[in-house]
Amino acid sequence: MSLEKTARQMRQQYMTPSDKYCDKHQRNYVTIQLPNSNPYTVCELCHREEQEQQNAVKAQEQYEREQEQKRLYFLKDFSLMDDDLKNASFDNYKALTREQKEDLKNVRSQLKGYLDGQEYNIVLIGNTGVGKSHLAYAALKALSDHTKKIGLFINVVDLLAKIKEDFSLEAEYIRRISEAEWLVLDDLGTEKVTEWSSGILYSILNKRTKTIITTNLSPRDIMGTYGKRVYSRVFKKTGLGTTNEHVYQFKTQQDKRMML
């Protein structure tokens, strides 16, 4: 039996015409009496449109749940960082000294331009342990949470080690990192710098228009360590040489961990 014939038989069995009229679709309502249920009267087309709308809403909600799961996976599981950073936020950054409060204020203020659609790198410079990574991840999380777009935190040393485990993954890692809406490249300059490692950094930065970079190297040291090509990609659109608007030297000098 064809579906059309089955549908026609069900209409005859369970539906009866009603005097009520639908002005929208220029047709009479029908009264539907299914077994073991109370009868209800509807315009078939209105009823169908309502069901399609409900299905569309459910599909959109499912899509948004899947996208949120994907976003959180990349933010916490695909990212390459120490476990103690996964809960880092602006709220739990301990700004006890005047310098720490100034560091916190500066990093937070740098994000407004991103949310306004501006494109530039943020370069955070400071000694080991002064809170650069904590604030960088806090910034990344805030941006990702606010926009619901993919954010990645990538420690440069861990990235190179990961690729060395399986060189066939190099292109895939570079692609995923390059395509993330928000990215932190952490601890630039702590890796063993080679032509190969510099090439990976250049490939990532050259494909991006906004990246947060933490490093203990000065701009001059970065030029000397990586050369002009990588240097130009690190400091593009940062204002270096004019206002240094997005290049920030941490005011905190002492390792926060040593202060505990």
Foldseek 3Di string as FASTA:
>chain_A
DDPVVVVVVQCVVFWDWDPDADPVVGGTWIWGDDPPDDIDIDRPVVVVVVVVVVVVVVVVVVVLVVLLVVQVCQLQPVADDDPVLSPQALVPQDQDDPLSVVVSVLLVVVCVCVVVPDFFEFEEAADPQQCLSSSLSNSQVVVCVVVVFHEHEYELQVVVVVCVVPVVCLVVVLVVLLPGPEYEHEAPPPHDDDPVSLVSLLSSLVSGRYYYYYYNDDLVVCCVRNNDSNSCSNGPPCCPPHPSSRYDYRPDHDRPVVVD
